[in-house]
């Protein structure tokens, strides 16, 4: 009987050892730059859906700077003047581009 009692007590202690909490979890890793950028872009994309959201996320994650309306207007004007001056060369082109870009 003593052997059975000793066996039950040792079994109880052994089961307690297995029931103990596992090793503490590893400390949380800091987010990578890409993960941080993704979090920021997701927050900025709230309210956008479908293709609009896809385009926004693509630009945001690629790191392209936002273009102001004035900058876009200047780019459009430059493109238009370049199309008009496609057959010109040298000084004639320079003069034309100068006057074309100066127009409002």
PDB file of N, CA and C in Angstrom:
ATOM      1  N   UNK A   1       0.819  -1.181   0.000  1.00  0.00           N
ATOM      2  CA  UNK A   1       0.000   0.000   0.000  1.00  0.00           C
ATOM      3  C   UNK A   1       0.869   1.252   0.000  1.00  0.00           C
ATOM      4  N   UNK A   2       1.946   1.188   0.753  1.00  0.00           N
ATOM      5  CA  UNK A   2       2.857   2.330   0.776  1.00  0.00           C
ATOM      6  C   UNK A   2       3.448   2.582  -0.614  1.00  0.00           C
ATOM      7  N   UNK A   3       3.691   1.499  -1.361  1.00  0.00           N
ATOM      8  CA  UNK A   3       4.248   1.646  -2.701  1.00  0.00           C
ATOM      9  C   UNK A   3       3.245   2.337  -3.629  1.00  0.00           C
ATOM     10  N   UNK A   4       1.992   1.977  -3.483  1.00  0.00           N
ATOM     11  CA  UNK A   4       0.958   2.593  -4.316  1.00  0.00           C
ATOM     12  C   UNK A   4       0.810   4.069  -3.965  1.00  0.00           C
ATOM     13  N   UNK A   5       0.806   4.401  -2.681  1.00  0.00           N
ATOM     14  CA  UNK A   5       0.694   5.784  -2.221  1.00  0.00           C
ATOM     15  C   UNK A   5       1.900   6.591  -2.710  1.00  0.00           C
ATOM     16  N   UNK A   6       3.101   6.034  -2.608  1.00  0.00           N
ATOM     17  CA  UNK A   6       4.305   6.716  -3.066  1.00  0.00           C
ATOM     18  C   UNK A   6       4.244   6.944  -4.581  1.00  0.00           C
ATOM     19  N   UNK A   7       3.735   5.943  -5.313  1.00  0.00           N
ATOM     20  CA  UNK A   7       3.608   6.055  -6.761  1.00  0.00           C
ATOM     21  C   UNK A   7       2.633   7.168  -7.133  1.00  0.00           C
ATOM     22  N   UNK A   8       1.489   7.249  -6.456  1.00  0.00           N
ATOM     23  CA  UNK A   8       0.483   8.281  -6.747  1.00  0.00           C
ATOM     24  C   UNK A   8       1.020   9.674  -6.442  1.00  0.00           C
ATOM     25  N   UNK A   9       1.745   9.812  -5.354  1.00  0.00           N
ATOM     26  CA  UNK A   9       2.304  11.124  -4.999  1.00  0.00           C
ATOM     27  C   UNK A   9       3.345  11.539  -6.031  1.00  0.00           C
ATOM     28  N   UNK A  10       4.223  10.616  -6.425  1.00  0.00           N
ATOM     29  CA  UNK A  10       5.242  10.957  -7.418  1.00  0.00           C
ATOM     30  C   UNK A  10       4.590  11.264  -8.775  1.00  0.00           C
ATOM     31  N   UNK A  11       3.517  10.552  -9.105  1.00  0.00           N
ATOM     32  CA  UNK A  11       2.801  10.817 -10.357  1.00  0.00           C
ATOM     33  C   UNK A  11       2.168  12.202 -10.324  1.00  0.00           C
ATOM     34  N   UNK A  12       1.653  12.608  -9.180  1.00  0.00           N
ATOM     35  CA  UNK A  12       1.046  13.930  -9.041  1.00  0.00           C
ATOM     36  C   UNK A  12       2.094  15.015  -9.251  1.00  0.00           C
ATOM     37  N   UNK A  13       3.262  14.857  -8.641  1.00  0.00           N
ATOM     38  CA  UNK A  13       4.331  15.834  -8.821  1.00  0.00           C
ATOM     39  C   UNK A  13       4.820  15.875 -10.267  1.00  0.00           C
ATOM     40  N   UNK A  14       4.920  14.738 -10.897  1.00  0.00           N
ATOM     41  CA  UNK A  14       5.375  14.669 -12.280  1.00  0.00           C
ATOM     42  C   UNK A  14       4.385  15.364 -13.213  1.00  0.00           C
ATOM     43  N   UNK A  15       3.094  15.185 -12.955  1.00  0.00           N
ATOM     44  CA  UNK A  15       2.099  15.825 -13.814  1.00  0.00           C
ATOM     45  C   UNK A  15       2.110  17.331 -13.629  1.00  0.00           C
ATOM     46  N   UNK A  16       2.441  17.802 -12.439  1.00  0.00           N
ATOM     47  CA  UNK A  16       2.533  19.246 -12.202  1.00  0.00           C
ATOM     48  C   UNK A  16       3.680  19.844 -13.016  1.00  0.00           C
ATOM     49  N   UNK A  17       4.750  19.110 -13.158  1.00  0.00           N
ATOM     50  CA  UNK A  17       5.892  19.606 -13.918  1.00  0.00           C
ATOM     51  C   UNK A  17       5.522  19.767 -15.392  1.00  0.00           C
ATOM     52  N   UNK A  18       4.727  18.844 -15.918  1.00  0.00           N
ATOM     53  CA  UNK A  18       4.314  18.939 -17.312  1.00  0.00           C
ATOM     54  C   UNK A  18       3.230  19.990 -17.531  1.00  0.00           C
ATOM     55  N   UNK A  19       2.493  20.326 -16.519  1.00  0.00           N
ATOM     56  CA  UNK A  19       1.411  21.292 -16.643  1.00  0.00           C
ATOM     57  C   UNK A  19       1.899  22.723 -16.469  1.00  0.00           C
ATOM     58  N   UNK A  20       3.161  22.910 -16.151  1.00  0.00           N
ATOM     59  CA  UNK A  20       3.703  24.247 -15.936  1.00  0.00           C
ATOM     60  C   UNK A  20       3.622  25.051 -17.234  1.00  0.00           C
ATOM     61  N   UNK A  21       3.641  26.348 -17.099  1.00  0.00           N
ATOM     62  CA  UNK A  21       3.587  27.229 -18.266  1.00  0.00           C
ATOM     63  C   UNK A  21       4.787  26.961 -19.162  1.00  0.00           C
ATOM     64  N   UNK A  22       4.580  27.032 -20.463  1.00  0.00           N
ATOM     65  CA  UNK A  22       5.716  26.852 -21.368  1.00  0.00           C
ATOM     66  C   UNK A  22       6.684  28.020 -21.215  1.00  0.00           C
ATOM     67  N   UNK A  23       7.806  27.926 -21.845  1.00  0.00           N
ATOM     68  CA  UNK A  23       8.812  28.992 -21.775  1.00  0.00           C
ATOM     69  C   UNK A  23       8.164  30.309 -22.200  1.00  0.00           C
ATOM     70  N   UNK A  24       8.579  31.399 -21.580  1.00  0.00           N
ATOM     71  CA  UNK A  24       7.981  32.689 -21.943  1.00  0.00           C
ATOM     72  C   UNK A  24       8.181  32.985 -23.429  1.00  0.00           C
ATOM     73  N   UNK A  25       7.202  33.657 -24.000  1.00  0.00           N
ATOM     74  CA  UNK A  25       7.247  33.970 -25.431  1.00  0.00           C
ATOM     75  C   UNK A  25       8.405  34.924 -25.703  1.00  0.00           C
ATOM     76  N   UNK A  26       8.925  34.834 -26.907  1.00  0.00           N
ATOM     77  CA  UNK A  26      10.021  35.715 -27.305  1.00  0.00           C
ATOM     78  C   UNK A  26       9.512  37.150 -27.327  1.00  0.00           C
ATOM     79  N   UNK A  27      10.361  38.104 -26.998  1.00  0.00           N
ATOM     80  CA  UNK A  27       9.919  39.496 -27.022  1.00  0.00           C
ATOM     81  C   UNK A  27       9.479  39.893 -28.431  1.00  0.00           C
ATOM     82  N   UNK A  28       8.496  40.773 -28.490  1.00  0.00           N
ATOM     83  CA  UNK A  28       7.957  41.203 -29.782  1.00  0.00           C
ATOM     84  C   UNK A  28       9.044  41.911 -30.585  1.00  0.00           C
ATOM     85  N   UNK A  29       9.134  41.558 -31.876  1.00  0.00           N
ATOM     86  CA  UNK A  29      10.126  42.182 -32.746  1.00  0.00           C
ATOM     87  C   UNK A  29       9.603  43.533 -33.190  1.00  0.00           C
ATOM     88  N   UNK A  30      10.522  44.454 -33.414  1.00  0.00           N
ATOM     89  CA  UNK A  30      10.117  45.755 -33.938  1.00  0.00           C
ATOM     90  C   UNK A  30       9.716  45.581 -35.402  1.00  0.00           C
ATOM     91  N   UNK A  31       8.810  46.439 -35.848  1.00  0.00           N
ATOM     92  CA  UNK A  31       8.351  46.359 -37.228  1.00  0.00           C
ATOM     93  C   UNK A  31       9.462  46.801 -38.169  1.00  0.00           C
ATOM     94  N   UNK A  32       9.487  46.165 -39.330  1.00  0.00           N
ATOM     95  CA  UNK A  32      10.448  46.571 -40.354  1.00  0.00           C
ATOM     96  C   UNK A  32       9.955  47.853 -41.008  1.00  0.00           C
ATOM     97  N   UNK A  33      10.806  48.473 -41.786  1.00  0.00           N
ATOM     98  CA  UNK A  33      10.426  49.714 -42.465  1.00  0.00           C
ATOM     99  C   UNK A  33       9.232  49.474 -43.386  1.00  0.00           C
ATOM    100  N   UNK A  34       9.232  48.337 -44.081  1.00  0.00           N
ATOM    101  CA  UNK A  34       8.129  48.014 -45.001  1.00  0.00           C
ATOM    102  C   UNK A  34       6.823  47.831 -44.233  1.00  0.00           C
ATOM    103  N   UNK A  35       6.889  47.171 -43.066  1.00  0.00           N
ATOM    104  CA  UNK A  35       5.677  46.966 -42.271  1.00  0.00           C
ATOM    105  C   UNK A  35       5.141  48.293 -41.753  1.00  0.00           C
ATOM    106  N   UNK A  36       6.037  49.171 -41.354  1.00  0.00           N
ATOM    107  CA  UNK A  36       5.625  50.493 -40.877  1.00  0.00           C
ATOM    108  C   UNK A  36       4.979  51.286 -42.008  1.00  0.00           C
ATOM    109  N   UNK A  37       5.589  51.222 -43.202  1.00  0.00           N
ATOM    110  CA  UNK A  37       5.046  51.936 -44.359  1.00  0.00           C
ATOM    111  C   UNK A  37       3.660  51.396 -44.708  1.00  0.00           C
ATOM    112  N   UNK A  38       3.501  50.057 -44.636  1.00  0.00           N
ATOM    113  CA  UNK A  38       2.208  49.426 -44.944  1.00  0.00           C
ATOM    114  C   UNK A  38       1.141  49.897 -43.964  1.00  0.00           C
ATOM    115  N   UNK A  39       1.488  49.971 -42.678  1.00  0.00           N
ATOM    116  CA  UNK A  39       0.541  50.432 -41.670  1.00  0.00           C
ATOM    117  C   UNK A  39       0.115  51.864 -41.953  1.00  0.00           C
ATOM    118  N   UNK A  40       1.082  52.716 -42.267  1.00  0.00           N
ATOM    119  CA  UNK A  40       0.784  54.125 -42.544  1.00  0.00           C
ATOM    120  C   UNK A  40      -0.084  54.272 -43.787  1.00  0.00           C
ATOM    121  N   UNK A  41       0.261  53.551 -44.849  1.00  0.00           N
ATOM    122  CA  UNK A  41      -0.509  53.645 -46.095  1.00  0.00           C
ATOM    123  C   UNK A  41      -1.928  53.122 -45.899  1.00  0.00           C
ATOM    124  N   UNK A  42      -2.083  52.036 -45.145  1.00  0.00           N
ATOM    125  CA  UNK A  42      -3.422  51.511 -44.871  1.00  0.00           C
ATOM    126  C   UNK A  42      -4.270  52.528 -44.123  1.00  0.00           C
ATOM    127  N   UNK A  43      -3.660  53.208 -43.179  1.00  0.00           N
ATOM    128  CA  UNK A  43      -4.391  54.214 -42.404  1.00  0.00           C
ATOM    129  C   UNK A  43      -4.821  55.370 -43.310  1.00  0.00           C
ATOM    130  N   UNK A  44      -3.913  55.791 -44.213  1.00  0.00           N
ATOM    131  CA  UNK A  44      -4.224  56.900 -45.128  1.00  0.00           C
ATOM    132  C   UNK A  44      -5.242  56.505 -46.190  1.00  0.00           C
ATOM    133  N   UNK A  45      -5.372  55.206 -46.476  1.00  0.00           N
ATOM    134  CA  UNK A  45      -6.267  54.742 -47.537  1.00  0.00           C
ATOM    135  C   UNK A  45      -7.688  54.479 -47.048  1.00  0.00           C
ATOM    136  N   UNK A  46      -7.975  54.803 -45.801  1.00  0.00           N
ATOM    137  CA  UNK A  46      -9.328  54.563 -45.285  1.00  0.00           C
ATOM    138  C   UNK A  46     -10.349  55.316 -46.134  1.00  0.00           C
ATOM    139  N   UNK A  47     -11.424  54.648 -46.476  1.00  0.00           N
ATOM    140  CA  UNK A  47     -12.491  55.266 -47.265  1.00  0.00           C
ATOM    141  C   UNK A  47     -12.342  55.030 -48.762  1.00  0.00           C
ATOM    142  N   UNK A  48     -11.176  54.621 -49.210  1.00  0.00           N
ATOM    143  CA  UNK A  48     -10.972  54.347 -50.631  1.00  0.00           C
ATOM    144  C   UNK A  48     -11.313  52.880 -50.885  1.00  0.00           C
ATOM    145  N   UNK A  49     -11.831  52.595 -52.069  1.00  0.00           N
ATOM    146  CA  UNK A  49     -12.218  51.224 -52.405  1.00  0.00           C
ATOM    147  C   UNK A  49     -11.824  50.904 -53.838  1.00  0.00           C
ATOM    148  N   UNK A  50     -11.663  49.635 -54.112  1.00  0.00           N
ATOM    149  CA  UNK A  50     -11.437  49.143 -55.469  1.00  0.00           C
ATOM    150  C   UNK A  50     -10.173  49.657 -56.117  1.00  0.00           C
ATOM    151  N   UNK A  51     -10.306  50.057 -57.383  1.00  0.00           N
ATOM    152  CA  UNK A  51      -9.151  50.505 -58.161  1.00  0.00           C
ATOM    153  C   UNK A  51      -8.527  51.767 -57.578  1.00  0.00           C
ATOM    154  N   UNK A  52      -9.370  52.627 -56.993  1.00  0.00           N
ATOM    155  CA  UNK A  52      -8.884  53.853 -56.367  1.00  0.00           C
ATOM    156  C   UNK A  52      -7.904  53.509 -55.243  1.00  0.00           C
ATOM    157  N   UNK A  53      -8.295  52.533 -54.425  1.00  0.00           N
ATOM    158  CA  UNK A  53      -7.441  52.111 -53.300  1.00  0.00           C
ATOM    159  C   UNK A  53      -6.156  51.455 -53.812  1.00  0.00           C
ATOM    160  N   UNK A  54      -6.283  50.599 -54.840  1.00  0.00           N
ATOM    161  CA  UNK A  54      -5.107  49.930 -55.401  1.00  0.00           C
ATOM    162  C   UNK A  54      -4.085  50.950 -55.895  1.00  0.00           C
ATOM    163  N   UNK A  55      -4.566  51.941 -56.641  1.00  0.00           N
ATOM    164  CA  UNK A  55      -3.679  52.962 -57.186  1.00  0.00           C
ATOM    165  C   UNK A  55      -3.020  53.755 -56.063  1.00  0.00           C
ATOM    166  N   UNK A  56      -3.820  54.112 -55.053  1.00  0.00           N
ATOM    167  CA  UNK A  56      -3.275  54.859 -53.923  1.00  0.00           C
ATOM    168  C   UNK A  56      -2.199  54.051 -53.204  1.00  0.00           C
ATOM    169  N   UNK A  57      -2.489  52.776 -52.923  1.00  0.00           N
ATOM    170  CA  UNK A  57      -1.544  51.931 -52.197  1.00  0.00           C
ATOM    171  C   UNK A  57      -0.260  51.723 -53.008  1.00  0.00           C
ATOM    172  N   UNK A  58      -0.392  51.578 -54.310  1.00  0.00           N
ATOM    173  CA  UNK A  58       0.786  51.395 -55.161  1.00  0.00           C
ATOM    174  C   UNK A  58       1.693  52.611 -55.075  1.00  0.00           C
ATOM    175  N   UNK A  59       1.096  53.802 -55.204  1.00  0.00           N
ATOM    176  CA  UNK A  59       1.885  55.032 -55.119  1.00  0.00           C
ATOM    177  C   UNK A  59       2.468  55.220 -53.720  1.00  0.00           C
ATOM    178  N   UNK A  60       1.664  54.956 -52.712  1.00  0.00           N
ATOM    179  CA  UNK A  60       2.096  55.157 -51.334  1.00  0.00           C
ATOM    180  C   UNK A  60       3.253  54.221 -50.984  1.00  0.00           C
ATOM    181  N   UNK A  61       3.130  52.954 -51.328  1.00  0.00           N
ATOM    182  CA  UNK A  61       4.156  51.977 -50.971  1.00  0.00           C
ATOM    183  C   UNK A  61       5.425  52.137 -51.801  1.00  0.00           C
ATOM    184  N   UNK A  62       5.301  52.696 -53.006  1.00  0.00           N
ATOM    185  CA  UNK A  62       6.490  52.889 -53.829  1.00  0.00           C
ATOM    186  C   UNK A  62       7.277  54.108 -53.375  1.00  0.00           C
ATOM    187  N   UNK A  63       6.653  54.943 -52.548  1.00  0.00           N
ATOM    188  CA  UNK A  63       7.352  56.105 -52.012  1.00  0.00           C
ATOM    189  C   UNK A  63       7.355  57.299 -52.934  1.00  0.00           C
ATOM    190  N   UNK A  64       6.514  57.270 -53.945  1.00  0.00           N
ATOM    191  CA  UNK A  64       6.452  58.407 -54.855  1.00  0.00           C
ATOM    192  C   UNK A  64       5.898  59.620 -54.099  1.00  0.00           C
ATOM    193  N   UNK A  65       6.553  60.759 -54.224  1.00  0.00           N
ATOM    194  CA  UNK A  65       6.046  61.951 -53.545  1.00  0.00           C
ATOM    195  C   UNK A  65       4.746  62.435 -54.192  1.00  0.00           C
ATOM    196  N   UNK A  66       3.913  63.036 -53.405  1.00  0.00           N
ATOM    197  CA  UNK A  66       2.663  63.583 -53.928  1.00  0.00           C
ATOM    198  C   UNK A  66       2.968  64.838 -54.733  1.00  0.00           C
ATOM    199  N   UNK A  67       2.236  65.015 -55.810  1.00  0.00           N
ATOM    200  CA  UNK A  67       2.458  66.147 -56.699  1.00  0.00           C
ATOM    201  C   UNK A  67       1.341  67.162 -56.467  1.00  0.00           C
ATOM    202  N   UNK A  68       1.737  68.413 -56.265  1.00  0.00           N
ATOM    203  CA  UNK A  68       0.736  69.461 -56.062  1.00  0.00           C
ATOM    204  C   UNK A  68       0.084  69.817 -57.394  1.00  0.00           C
ATOM    205  N   UNK A  69      -1.005  70.554 -57.321  1.00  0.00           N
ATOM    206  CA  UNK A  69      -1.722  70.959 -58.536  1.00  0.00           C
ATOM    207  C   UNK A  69      -0.838  71.855 -59.403  1.00  0.00           C
ATOM    208  N   UNK A  70      -0.070  72.747 -58.780  1.00  0.00           N
ATOM    209  CA  UNK A  70       0.802  73.644 -59.537  1.00  0.00           C
ATOM    210  C   UNK A  70       1.897  72.855 -60.249  1.00  0.00           C
ATOM    211  N   UNK A  71       2.456  71.858 -59.558  1.00  0.00           N
ATOM    212  CA  UNK A  71       3.490  71.037 -60.175  1.00  0.00           C
ATOM    213  C   UNK A  71       2.923  70.247 -61.350  1.00  0.00           C
ATOM    214  N   UNK A  72       1.730  69.726 -61.171  1.00  0.00           N
ATOM    215  CA  UNK A  72       1.108  68.953 -62.251  1.00  0.00           C
ATOM    216  C   UNK A  72       0.795  69.851 -63.444  1.00  0.00           C
ATOM    217  N   UNK A  73       0.357  71.082 -63.187  1.00  0.00           N
ATOM    218  CA  UNK A  73       0.068  72.023 -64.269  1.00  0.00           C
ATOM    219  C   UNK A  73       1.345  72.328 -65.056  1.00  0.00           C
ATOM    220  N   UNK A  74       2.456  72.512 -64.329  1.00  0.00           N
ATOM    221  CA  UNK A  74       3.731  72.782 -64.995  1.00  0.00           C
ATOM    222  C   UNK A  74       4.168  71.582 -65.834  1.00  0.00           C
ATOM    223  N   UNK A  75       3.976  70.378 -65.299  1.00  0.00           N
ATOM    224  CA  UNK A  75       4.329  69.168 -66.057  1.00  0.00           C
ATOM    225  C   UNK A  75       3.487  69.039 -67.317  1.00  0.00           C
ATOM    226  N   UNK A  76       2.200  69.342 -67.195  1.00  0.00           N
ATOM    227  CA  UNK A  76       1.314  69.272 -68.356  1.00  0.00           C
ATOM    228  C   UNK A  76       1.723  70.291 -69.418  1.00  0.00           C
ATOM    229  N   UNK A  77       2.081  71.501 -68.953  1.00  0.00           N
ATOM    230  CA  UNK A  77       2.499  72.551 -69.879  1.00  0.00           C
ATOM    231  C   UNK A  77       3.784  72.137 -70.590  1.00  0.00           C
ATOM    232  N   UNK A  78       4.720  71.543 -69.853  1.00  0.00           N
ATOM    233  CA  UNK A  78       5.985  71.097 -70.436  1.00  0.00           C
ATOM    234  C   UNK A  78       5.739  70.019 -71.486  1.00  0.00           C
ATOM    235  N   UNK A  79       4.855  69.087 -71.189  1.00  0.00           N
ATOM    236  CA  UNK A  79       4.537  68.018 -72.135  1.00  0.00           C
ATOM    237  C   UNK A  79       3.913  68.579 -73.401  1.00  0.00           C
ATOM    238  N   UNK A  80       3.001  69.533 -73.235  1.00  0.00           N
ATOM    239  CA  UNK A  80       2.335  70.146 -74.379  1.00  0.00           C
ATOM    240  C   UNK A  80       3.337  70.915 -75.249  1.00  0.00           C
ATOM    241  N   UNK A  81       4.217  71.675 -74.610  1.00  0.00           N
ATOM    242  CA  UNK A  81       5.219  72.437 -75.362  1.00  0.00           C
ATOM    243  C   UNK A  81       6.188  71.505 -76.083  1.00  0.00           C
ATOM    244  N   UNK A  82       6.547  70.393 -75.440  1.00  0.00           N
ATOM    245  CA  UNK A  82       7.444  69.428 -76.086  1.00  0.00           C
ATOM    246  C   UNK A  82       6.807  68.823 -77.330  1.00  0.00           C
ATOM    247  N   UNK A  83       5.510  68.555 -77.274  1.00  0.00           N
ATOM    248  CA  UNK A  83       4.811  68.004 -78.436  1.00  0.00           C
ATOM    249  C   UNK A  83       4.822  69.021 -79.570  1.00  0.00           C
ATOM    250  N   UNK A  84       4.565  70.292 -79.235  1.00  0.00           N
ATOM    251  CA  UNK A  84       4.537  71.341 -80.259  1.00  0.00           C
ATOM    252  C   UNK A  84       5.925  71.585 -80.864  1.00  0.00           C
ATOM    253  N   UNK A  85       6.990  71.341 -80.097  1.00  0.00           N
ATOM    254  CA  UNK A  85       8.347  71.631 -80.560  1.00  0.00           C
ATOM    255  C   UNK A  85       9.087  70.391 -81.037  1.00  0.00           C
ATOM    256  N   UNK A  86       8.369  69.331 -81.349  1.00  0.00           N
ATOM    257  CA  UNK A  86       9.039  68.067 -81.683  1.00  0.00           C
ATOM    258  C   UNK A  86       9.914  68.148 -82.932  1.00  0.00           C
ATOM    259  N   UNK A  87       9.592  68.997 -83.901  1.00  0.00           N
ATOM    260  CA  UNK A  87      10.367  69.086 -85.136  1.00  0.00           C
ATOM    261  C   UNK A  87      11.446  70.173 -85.076  1.00  0.00           C
ATOM    262  N   UNK A  88      11.483  70.947 -83.991  1.00  0.00           N
ATOM    263  CA  UNK A  88      12.451  72.038 -83.873  1.00  0.00           C
ATOM    264  C   UNK A  88      13.744  71.539 -83.256  1.00  0.00           C
ATOM    265  N   UNK A  89      14.843  72.253 -83.589  1.00  0.00           N
ATOM    266  CA  UNK A  89      16.151  71.898 -83.034  1.00  0.00           C
ATOM    267  C   UNK A  89      16.920  73.169 -82.696  1.00  0.00           C
ATOM    268  N   UNK A  90      17.894  73.010 -81.799  1.00  0.00           N
ATOM    269  CA  UNK A  90      18.840  74.091 -81.486  1.00  0.00           C
ATOM    270  C   UNK A  90      18.193  75.325 -80.885  1.00  0.00           C
ATOM    271  N   UNK A  91      18.668  76.481 -81.373  1.00  0.00           N
ATOM    272  CA  UNK A  91      18.232  77.761 -80.819  1.00  0.00           C
ATOM    273  C   UNK A  91      16.746  78.022 -81.051  1.00  0.00           C
ATOM    274  N   UNK A  92      16.230  77.578 -82.209  1.00  0.00           N
ATOM    275  CA  UNK A  92      14.800  77.767 -82.479  1.00  0.00           C
ATOM    276  C   UNK A  92      13.958  77.063 -81.412  1.00  0.00           C
ATOM    277  N   UNK A  93      14.358  75.854 -81.063  1.00  0.00           N
ATOM    278  CA  UNK A  93      13.630  75.096 -80.030  1.00  0.00           C
ATOM    279  C   UNK A  93      13.718  75.796 -78.679  1.00  0.00           C
ATOM    280  N   UNK A  94      14.912  76.256 -78.325  1.00  0.00           N
ATOM    281  CA  UNK A  94      15.105  76.934 -77.043  1.00  0.00           C
ATOM    282  C   UNK A  94      14.208  78.171 -76.932  1.00  0.00           C
ATOM    283  N   UNK A  95      14.188  78.972 -78.004  1.00  0.00           N
ATOM    284  CA  UNK A  95      13.358  80.180 -77.999  1.00  0.00           C
ATOM    285  C   UNK A  95      11.881  79.830 -77.876  1.00  0.00           C
ATOM    286  N   UNK A  96      11.464  78.835 -78.670  1.00  0.00           N
ATOM    287  CA  UNK A  96      10.058  78.424 -78.628  1.00  0.00           C
ATOM    288  C   UNK A  96       9.672  77.917 -77.237  1.00  0.00           C
ATOM    289  N   UNK A  97      10.514  77.050 -76.664  1.00  0.00           N
ATOM    290  CA  UNK A  97      10.203  76.492 -75.346  1.00  0.00           C
ATOM    291  C   UNK A  97      10.145  77.595 -74.287  1.00  0.00           C
ATOM    292  N   UNK A  98      11.023  78.550 -74.379  1.00  0.00           N
ATOM    293  CA  UNK A  98      11.040  79.648 -73.411  1.00  0.00           C
ATOM    294  C   UNK A  98       9.728  80.436 -73.469  1.00  0.00           C
ATOM    295  N   UNK A  99       9.289  80.772 -74.680  1.00  0.00           N
ATOM    296  CA  UNK A  99       8.045  81.540 -74.796  1.00  0.00           C
ATOM    297  C   UNK A  99       6.826  80.667 -74.461  1.00  0.00           C
ATOM    298  N   UNK A 100       6.869  79.397 -74.870  1.00  0.00           N
ATOM    299  CA  UNK A 100       5.734  78.491 -74.607  1.00  0.00           C
ATOM    300  C   UNK A 100       5.549  78.277 -73.109  1.00  0.00           C
ATOM    301  N   UNK A 101       6.632  78.047 -72.393  1.00  0.00           N
ATOM    302  CA  UNK A 101       6.534  77.790 -70.958  1.00  0.00           C
ATOM    303  C   UNK A 101       6.212  79.051 -70.151  1.00  0.00           C
ATOM    304  N   UNK A 102       6.521  80.220 -70.721  1.00  0.00           N
ATOM    305  CA  UNK A 102       6.243  81.461 -70.018  1.00  0.00           C
ATOM    306  C   UNK A 102       4.774  81.861 -70.117  1.00  0.00           C
ATOM    307  N   UNK A 103       4.076  81.322 -71.114  1.00  0.00           N
ATOM    308  CA  UNK A 103       2.644  81.636 -71.273  1.00  0.00           C
ATOM    309  C   UNK A 103       1.863  81.117 -70.089  1.00  0.00           C
ATOM    310  N   UNK A 104       0.810  81.836 -69.756  1.00  0.00           N
ATOM    311  CA  UNK A 104      -0.034  81.406 -68.631  1.00  0.00           C
ATOM    312  C   UNK A 104      -1.293  80.778 -69.126  1.00  0.00           C
TER     313      UNK A 104
END
